[in-house]
Amino acid sequence: MTHLDIAEVARRAGVPASTLRYYEERGLIASAGRVGLRRQFEPGVLQRLALIALGRTAGFSLDEIARMFGPDGQPHLDRGMLAAKADELDGTIGRLTVLRDSLRHAAACPAPSHMQCPTFRRIVRAAGSGAVPTAAPAAVRTRAR
């Protein structure tokens, strides 16, 4: 079996070699040995790194990702954990949608000053209290379309 040098894995996976070393230290990947001082990996590490990248993109922590692999190194995905993350993303998307619509309202608001706009003042008050509005006011929803 042909092994891949750490530099080749880093290039193909699009991550720095330091990330590969860190993932190995955390037990997320394992090298197959060394040639001189350079770590060697089996080609299957690329698929594992792609799964790790997908997990990171979805917002999973490295500890959560580590639990997604069985002792045999194969993915063993917990469907409940995936569903919970999807629900969490739905909430984030909802909050970001309201924020986007609020910014669009502020950009297009016909009020002479943003502080004269009741909708904008409500958005500022919500942000000042540490809360992001959970629903855009009707004026924001209609103008955003």
N, C-alpha and C. Protein backbone atom coordinates (compact mmCIF):
# COMPACT_ATOMS: atom_id res chain seq x y z
N MET A 1 0.84 -1.17 0.00
CA MET A 1 0.00 0.00 0.00
C MET A 1 0.89 1.24 0.00
N THR A 2 0.51 2.20 -0.80
CA THR A 2 1.26 3.44 -0.88
C THR A 2 0.79 4.39 0.21
N HIS A 3 1.72 4.94 0.93
CA HIS A 3 1.40 5.92 1.95
C HIS A 3 1.61 7.31 1.40
N LEU A 4 0.93 8.26 2.02
CA LEU A 4 1.06 9.66 1.62
C LEU A 4 1.88 10.40 2.68
N ASP A 5 2.79 11.19 2.20
CA ASP A 5 3.61 12.04 3.05
C ASP A 5 2.73 13.13 3.65
N ILE A 6 3.07 13.61 4.83
CA ILE A 6 2.28 14.63 5.51
C ILE A 6 2.07 15.87 4.64
N ALA A 7 3.08 16.24 3.87
CA ALA A 7 2.95 17.42 3.00
C ALA A 7 1.91 17.17 1.91
N GLU A 8 1.86 15.95 1.38
CA GLU A 8 0.87 15.61 0.35
C GLU A 8 -0.54 15.59 0.95
N VAL A 9 -0.69 15.04 2.14
CA VAL A 9 -2.00 15.02 2.80
C VAL A 9 -2.45 16.46 3.07
N ALA A 10 -1.53 17.28 3.56
CA ALA A 10 -1.87 18.68 3.84
C ALA A 10 -2.32 19.38 2.56
N ARG A 11 -1.60 19.15 1.47
CA ARG A 11 -1.95 19.78 0.19
C ARG A 11 -3.32 19.32 -0.28
N ARG A 12 -3.57 18.01 -0.28
CA ARG A 12 -4.83 17.47 -0.78
C ARG A 12 -6.02 17.83 0.12
N ALA A 13 -5.78 17.87 1.41
CA ALA A 13 -6.87 18.17 2.34
C ALA A 13 -7.09 19.67 2.51
N GLY A 14 -6.12 20.47 2.09
CA GLY A 14 -6.25 21.92 2.21
C GLY A 14 -6.10 22.43 3.62
N VAL A 15 -5.31 21.72 4.42
CA VAL A 15 -5.05 22.15 5.80
C VAL A 15 -3.55 22.17 6.02
N PRO A 16 -3.08 23.00 6.94
CA PRO A 16 -1.64 23.01 7.21
C PRO A 16 -1.20 21.72 7.90
N ALA A 17 0.06 21.38 7.74
CA ALA A 17 0.61 20.19 8.39
C ALA A 17 0.45 20.29 9.91
N SER A 18 0.51 21.49 10.45
CA SER A 18 0.33 21.66 11.90
C SER A 18 -1.06 21.19 12.34
N THR A 19 -2.07 21.38 11.49
CA THR A 19 -3.42 20.90 11.80
C THR A 19 -3.43 19.38 11.82
N LEU A 20 -2.74 18.76 10.88
CA LEU A 20 -2.67 17.30 10.86
C LEU A 20 -1.99 16.77 12.12
N ARG A 21 -0.92 17.42 12.51
CA ARG A 21 -0.24 17.00 13.74
C ARG A 21 -1.15 17.17 14.96
N TYR A 22 -1.89 18.27 14.99
CA TYR A 22 -2.82 18.51 16.09
C TYR A 22 -3.94 17.46 16.10
N TYR A 23 -4.50 17.17 14.93
CA TYR A 23 -5.55 16.14 14.85
C TYR A 23 -5.02 14.79 15.30
N GLU A 24 -3.77 14.50 14.95
CA GLU A 24 -3.17 13.24 15.38
C GLU A 24 -3.01 13.23 16.91
N GLU A 25 -2.56 14.34 17.45
CA GLU A 25 -2.41 14.46 18.90
C GLU A 25 -3.75 14.27 19.62
N ARG A 26 -4.83 14.76 19.00
CA ARG A 26 -6.18 14.64 19.58
C ARG A 26 -6.82 13.28 19.32
N GLY A 27 -6.16 12.45 18.50
CA GLY A 27 -6.69 11.12 18.22
C GLY A 27 -7.70 11.07 17.10
N LEU A 28 -7.82 12.15 16.34
CA LEU A 28 -8.78 12.19 15.23
C LEU A 28 -8.26 11.44 14.00
N ILE A 29 -6.96 11.45 13.81
CA ILE A 29 -6.32 10.71 12.73
C ILE A 29 -5.10 10.02 13.30
N ALA A 30 -4.58 9.07 12.54
CA ALA A 30 -3.37 8.36 12.99
C ALA A 30 -2.44 8.21 11.80
N SER A 31 -1.18 8.46 12.04
CA SER A 31 -0.20 8.25 10.99
C SER A 31 0.15 6.76 10.94
N ALA A 32 0.62 6.34 9.78
CA ALA A 32 0.97 4.93 9.59
C ALA A 32 2.44 4.68 9.92
N GLY A 33 3.15 5.73 10.25
CA GLY A 33 4.57 5.61 10.55
C GLY A 33 5.30 6.83 10.03
N ARG A 34 6.61 6.67 9.92
CA ARG A 34 7.45 7.77 9.46
C ARG A 34 8.46 7.27 8.45
N VAL A 35 8.83 8.16 7.59
CA VAL A 35 9.99 7.97 6.72
C VAL A 35 10.90 9.12 7.08
N GLY A 36 11.96 8.80 7.77
CA GLY A 36 12.80 9.84 8.34
C GLY A 36 12.00 10.52 9.44
N LEU A 37 11.88 11.81 9.36
CA LEU A 37 11.11 12.55 10.35
C LEU A 37 9.69 12.89 9.86
N ARG A 38 9.37 12.47 8.65
CA ARG A 38 8.09 12.86 8.05
C ARG A 38 7.02 11.80 8.26
N ARG A 39 5.91 12.23 8.82
CA ARG A 39 4.78 11.32 9.04
C ARG A 39 4.24 10.84 7.70
N GLN A 40 3.78 9.60 7.72
CA GLN A 40 3.16 8.99 6.56
C GLN A 40 1.72 8.60 6.94
N PHE A 41 0.80 8.73 6.01
CA PHE A 41 -0.60 8.42 6.26
C PHE A 41 -1.13 7.49 5.18
N GLU A 42 -2.09 6.67 5.55
CA GLU A 42 -2.78 5.85 4.57
C GLU A 42 -3.72 6.75 3.78
N PRO A 43 -3.99 6.41 2.52
CA PRO A 43 -4.86 7.27 1.69
C PRO A 43 -6.25 7.51 2.29
N GLY A 44 -6.75 6.57 3.10
CA GLY A 44 -8.07 6.74 3.71
C GLY A 44 -8.17 7.93 4.64
N VAL A 45 -7.03 8.48 5.05
CA VAL A 45 -7.04 9.64 5.94
C VAL A 45 -7.71 10.83 5.26
N LEU A 46 -7.67 10.88 3.93
CA LEU A 46 -8.27 12.02 3.22
C LEU A 46 -9.79 12.04 3.40
N GLN A 47 -10.42 10.86 3.37
CA GLN A 47 -11.86 10.79 3.60
C GLN A 47 -12.17 11.19 5.04
N ARG A 48 -11.38 10.72 5.95
CA ARG A 48 -11.58 11.05 7.37
C ARG A 48 -11.43 12.56 7.57
N LEU A 49 -10.43 13.17 6.94
CA LEU A 49 -10.25 14.62 7.04
C LEU A 49 -11.42 15.37 6.41
N ALA A 50 -11.98 14.83 5.33
CA ALA A 50 -13.16 15.45 4.72
C ALA A 50 -14.34 15.40 5.67
N LEU A 51 -14.51 14.28 6.38
CA LEU A 51 -15.59 14.17 7.36
C LEU A 51 -15.37 15.13 8.54
N ILE A 52 -14.13 15.26 8.96
CA ILE A 52 -13.80 16.21 10.03
C ILE A 52 -14.12 17.63 9.57
N ALA A 53 -13.75 17.96 8.33
CA ALA A 53 -14.03 19.30 7.80
C ALA A 53 -15.54 19.55 7.73
N LEU A 54 -16.30 18.55 7.32
CA LEU A 54 -17.76 18.69 7.28
C LEU A 54 -18.30 18.93 8.68
N GLY A 55 -17.82 18.17 9.64
CA GLY A 55 -18.25 18.35 11.02
C GLY A 55 -17.93 19.73 11.55
N ARG A 56 -16.72 20.21 11.26
CA ARG A 56 -16.31 21.56 11.70
C ARG A 56 -17.20 22.62 11.05
N THR A 57 -17.47 22.46 9.75
CA THR A 57 -18.32 23.41 9.04
C THR A 57 -19.72 23.44 9.65
N ALA A 58 -20.22 22.28 10.08
CA ALA A 58 -21.55 22.20 10.69
C ALA A 58 -21.56 22.73 12.11
N GLY A 59 -20.38 23.00 12.68
CA GLY A 59 -20.31 23.57 14.01
C GLY A 59 -20.05 22.58 15.13
N PHE A 60 -19.69 21.34 14.79
CA PHE A 60 -19.37 20.36 15.82
C PHE A 60 -17.98 20.65 16.38
N SER A 61 -17.81 20.42 17.66
CA SER A 61 -16.49 20.55 18.28
C SER A 61 -15.63 19.35 17.89
N LEU A 62 -14.34 19.46 18.12
CA LEU A 62 -13.46 18.33 17.82
C LEU A 62 -13.79 17.13 18.70
N ASP A 63 -14.19 17.37 19.95
CA ASP A 63 -14.59 16.26 20.82
C ASP A 63 -15.83 15.56 20.27
N GLU A 64 -16.79 16.33 19.80
CA GLU A 64 -17.99 15.73 19.20
C GLU A 64 -17.64 14.95 17.95
N ILE A 65 -16.75 15.49 17.15
CA ILE A 65 -16.34 14.81 15.92
C ILE A 65 -15.62 13.51 16.27
N ALA A 66 -14.77 13.55 17.27
CA ALA A 66 -14.04 12.34 17.68
C ALA A 66 -15.01 11.22 18.04
N ARG A 67 -16.13 11.58 18.67
CA ARG A 67 -17.13 10.57 19.04
C ARG A 67 -17.89 10.02 17.84
N MET A 68 -17.73 10.64 16.68
CA MET A 68 -18.42 10.18 15.47
C MET A 68 -17.68 9.04 14.79
N PHE A 69 -16.52 8.68 15.32
CA PHE A 69 -15.75 7.59 14.75
C PHE A 69 -15.69 6.46 15.76
N GLY A 70 -15.93 5.25 15.27
CA GLY A 70 -15.85 4.08 16.14
C GLY A 70 -14.42 3.67 16.38
N PRO A 71 -14.23 2.66 17.24
CA PRO A 71 -12.88 2.17 17.53
C PRO A 71 -12.17 1.64 16.29
N ASP A 72 -12.95 1.23 15.29
CA ASP A 72 -12.37 0.74 14.04
C ASP A 72 -11.97 1.87 13.10
N GLY A 73 -12.23 3.13 13.52
CA GLY A 73 -11.88 4.27 12.69
C GLY A 73 -12.94 4.63 11.67
N GLN A 74 -13.98 3.82 11.58
CA GLN A 74 -15.06 4.08 10.62
C GLN A 74 -16.08 5.03 11.23
N PRO A 75 -16.73 5.84 10.37
CA PRO A 75 -17.75 6.76 10.89
C PRO A 75 -18.92 5.99 11.50
N HIS A 76 -19.32 6.39 12.67
CA HIS A 76 -20.51 5.87 13.35
C HIS A 76 -21.28 7.10 13.81
N LEU A 77 -22.12 7.62 12.93
CA LEU A 77 -22.78 8.88 13.19
C LEU A 77 -24.04 8.68 14.03
N ASP A 78 -24.15 9.45 15.07
CA ASP A 78 -25.30 9.44 15.95
C ASP A 78 -26.38 10.32 15.31
N ARG A 79 -27.43 9.69 14.84
CA ARG A 79 -28.48 10.43 14.12
C ARG A 79 -29.15 11.47 15.00
N GLY A 80 -29.29 11.18 16.28
CA GLY A 80 -29.88 12.14 17.20
C GLY A 80 -29.02 13.39 17.33
N MET A 81 -27.70 13.18 17.39
CA MET A 81 -26.78 14.31 17.48
C MET A 81 -26.84 15.15 16.20
N LEU A 82 -26.96 14.47 15.06
CA LEU A 82 -27.07 15.19 13.79
C LEU A 82 -28.36 16.00 13.74
N ALA A 83 -29.46 15.41 14.19
CA ALA A 83 -30.75 16.11 14.19
C ALA A 83 -30.70 17.31 15.13
N ALA A 84 -30.07 17.14 16.29
CA ALA A 84 -29.96 18.25 17.25
C ALA A 84 -29.14 19.39 16.65
N LYS A 85 -28.06 19.06 15.94
CA LYS A 85 -27.24 20.11 15.32
C LYS A 85 -28.04 20.80 14.21
N ALA A 86 -28.83 20.04 13.46
CA ALA A 86 -29.67 20.64 12.41
C ALA A 86 -30.67 21.61 13.04
N ASP A 87 -31.26 21.24 14.19
CA ASP A 87 -32.18 22.14 14.89
C ASP A 87 -31.46 23.40 15.35
N GLU A 88 -30.24 23.23 15.87
CA GLU A 88 -29.44 24.37 16.31
C GLU A 88 -29.15 25.30 15.12
N LEU A 89 -28.83 24.71 13.98
CA LEU A 89 -28.57 25.51 12.78
C LEU A 89 -29.82 26.23 12.32
N ASP A 90 -31.00 25.59 12.45
CA ASP A 90 -32.26 26.26 12.11
C ASP A 90 -32.42 27.53 12.95
N GLY A 91 -32.11 27.44 14.25
CA GLY A 91 -32.21 28.61 15.11
C GLY A 91 -31.24 29.70 14.69
N THR A 92 -30.01 29.30 14.37
CA THR A 92 -29.00 30.27 13.93
C THR A 92 -29.44 30.92 12.62
N ILE A 93 -29.95 30.12 11.70
CA ILE A 93 -30.41 30.66 10.42
C ILE A 93 -31.55 31.65 10.64
N GLY A 94 -32.45 31.32 11.55
CA GLY A 94 -33.56 32.23 11.86
C GLY A 94 -33.06 33.56 12.40
N ARG A 95 -32.12 33.50 13.35
CA ARG A 95 -31.58 34.74 13.93
C ARG A 95 -30.82 35.54 12.87
N LEU A 96 -30.04 34.86 12.04
CA LEU A 96 -29.29 35.57 11.00
C LEU A 96 -30.23 36.15 9.94
N THR A 97 -31.32 35.48 9.66
CA THR A 97 -32.30 36.00 8.70
C THR A 97 -32.91 37.30 9.22
N VAL A 98 -33.27 37.31 10.50
CA VAL A 98 -33.82 38.53 11.11
C VAL A 98 -32.78 39.63 11.07
N LEU A 99 -31.55 39.32 11.40
CA LEU A 99 -30.48 40.31 11.38
C LEU A 99 -30.29 40.85 9.96
N ARG A 100 -30.25 39.96 8.98
CA ARG A 100 -30.10 40.40 7.58
C ARG A 100 -31.25 41.32 7.18
N ASP A 101 -32.48 40.90 7.49
CA ASP A 101 -33.63 41.72 7.12
C ASP A 101 -33.60 43.07 7.83
N SER A 102 -33.14 43.09 9.08
CA SER A 102 -33.03 44.35 9.82
C SER A 102 -32.00 45.27 9.18
N LEU A 103 -30.87 44.71 8.76
CA LEU A 103 -29.85 45.52 8.09
C LEU A 103 -30.37 46.06 6.76
N ARG A 104 -31.11 45.23 6.04
CA ARG A 104 -31.69 45.70 4.76
C ARG A 104 -32.67 46.84 5.03
N HIS A 105 -33.46 46.69 6.10
CA HIS A 105 -34.39 47.75 6.44
C HIS A 105 -33.63 49.04 6.73
N ALA A 106 -32.58 48.94 7.55
CA ALA A 106 -31.80 50.13 7.90
C ALA A 106 -31.19 50.77 6.66
N ALA A 107 -30.76 49.96 5.72
CA ALA A 107 -30.13 50.48 4.50
C ALA A 107 -31.15 51.20 3.62
N ALA A 108 -32.40 50.74 3.63
CA ALA A 108 -33.41 51.31 2.73
C ALA A 108 -34.44 52.18 3.44
N CYS A 109 -34.31 52.36 4.73
CA CYS A 109 -35.30 53.10 5.52
C CYS A 109 -35.44 54.54 5.02
N PRO A 110 -36.66 54.99 4.77
CA PRO A 110 -36.86 56.35 4.26
C PRO A 110 -36.81 57.43 5.34
N ALA A 111 -36.71 57.05 6.60
CA ALA A 111 -36.66 58.05 7.67
C ALA A 111 -35.45 58.95 7.48
N PRO A 112 -35.59 60.24 7.82
CA PRO A 112 -34.46 61.17 7.65
C PRO A 112 -33.23 60.74 8.44
N SER A 113 -33.44 60.13 9.60
CA SER A 113 -32.35 59.63 10.42
C SER A 113 -32.75 58.24 10.90
N HIS A 114 -31.78 57.36 10.97
CA HIS A 114 -32.11 56.00 11.43
C HIS A 114 -32.73 56.04 12.82
N MET A 115 -32.29 56.97 13.66
CA MET A 115 -32.82 57.03 15.02
C MET A 115 -34.26 57.57 15.06
N GLN A 116 -34.77 58.07 13.95
CA GLN A 116 -36.18 58.48 13.87
C GLN A 116 -37.06 57.31 13.41
N CYS A 117 -36.45 56.22 13.03
CA CYS A 117 -37.19 55.05 12.55
C CYS A 117 -37.53 54.16 13.75
N PRO A 118 -38.81 53.92 14.02
CA PRO A 118 -39.19 53.09 15.17
C PRO A 118 -38.65 51.67 15.05
N THR A 119 -38.65 51.15 13.85
CA THR A 119 -38.15 49.80 13.65
C THR A 119 -36.66 49.73 13.98
N PHE A 120 -35.90 50.69 13.49
CA PHE A 120 -34.46 50.69 13.76
C PHE A 120 -34.19 50.87 15.25
N ARG A 121 -34.94 51.75 15.90
CA ARG A 121 -34.75 51.94 17.35
C ARG A 121 -35.04 50.64 18.11
N ARG A 122 -36.03 49.90 17.69
CA ARG A 122 -36.34 48.62 18.33
C ARG A 122 -35.19 47.64 18.14
N ILE A 123 -34.61 47.61 16.97
CA ILE A 123 -33.47 46.74 16.68
C ILE A 123 -32.29 47.12 17.56
N VAL A 124 -32.02 48.42 17.69
CA VAL A 124 -30.91 48.89 18.51
C VAL A 124 -31.15 48.53 19.97
N ARG A 125 -32.38 48.73 20.47
CA ARG A 125 -32.70 48.37 21.86
C ARG A 125 -32.46 46.88 22.09
N ALA A 126 -32.91 46.06 21.16
CA ALA A 126 -32.73 44.61 21.30
C ALA A 126 -31.25 44.25 21.33
N ALA A 127 -30.47 44.88 20.45
CA ALA A 127 -29.03 44.60 20.41
C ALA A 127 -28.36 45.08 21.70
N GLY A 128 -28.79 46.22 22.22
CA GLY A 128 -28.22 46.77 23.44
C GLY A 128 -28.51 45.91 24.66
N SER A 129 -29.60 45.17 24.62
CA SER A 129 -29.93 44.29 25.75
C SER A 129 -29.31 42.91 25.59
N GLY A 130 -28.52 42.75 24.52
CA GLY A 130 -27.87 41.46 24.28
C GLY A 130 -28.75 40.48 23.53
N ALA A 131 -29.90 40.93 23.10
CA ALA A 131 -30.81 40.05 22.38
C ALA A 131 -30.86 40.45 20.92
N VAL A 132 -30.95 39.46 20.09
CA VAL A 132 -31.18 39.72 18.67
C VAL A 132 -32.66 39.48 18.47
N PRO A 133 -33.36 40.39 17.80
CA PRO A 133 -34.78 40.15 17.59
C PRO A 133 -35.01 38.77 16.99
N THR A 134 -36.02 38.07 17.48
CA THR A 134 -36.29 36.73 16.98
C THR A 134 -37.28 36.74 15.84
N ALA A 135 -37.93 37.86 15.62
CA ALA A 135 -38.84 37.98 14.48
C ALA A 135 -38.74 39.40 13.96
N ALA A 136 -38.60 39.49 12.66
CA ALA A 136 -38.52 40.82 12.07
C ALA A 136 -39.91 41.43 12.06
N PRO A 137 -40.01 42.73 12.35
CA PRO A 137 -41.31 43.38 12.28
C PRO A 137 -41.85 43.33 10.86
N ALA A 138 -43.15 43.46 10.73
CA ALA A 138 -43.79 43.36 9.41
C ALA A 138 -43.18 44.33 8.42
N ALA A 139 -42.84 45.54 8.87
CA ALA A 139 -42.25 46.53 7.98
C ALA A 139 -40.93 46.03 7.40
N VAL A 140 -40.17 45.32 8.22
CA VAL A 140 -38.88 44.80 7.76
C VAL A 140 -39.12 43.65 6.79
N ARG A 141 -40.04 42.76 7.14
CA ARG A 141 -40.31 41.59 6.29
C ARG A 141 -40.81 42.02 4.92
N THR A 142 -41.70 43.02 4.86
CA THR A 142 -42.25 43.41 3.58
C THR A 142 -41.22 44.13 2.73
N ARG A 143 -40.45 45.00 3.33
CA ARG A 143 -39.45 45.74 2.54
C ARG A 143 -38.28 44.88 2.12
N ALA A 144 -37.99 43.82 2.88
CA ALA A 144 -36.83 42.98 2.56
C ALA A 144 -37.08 42.15 1.31
N ARG A 145 -38.30 41.99 0.94
CA ARG A 145 -38.61 41.13 -0.23
C ARG A 145 -38.47 41.84 -1.51
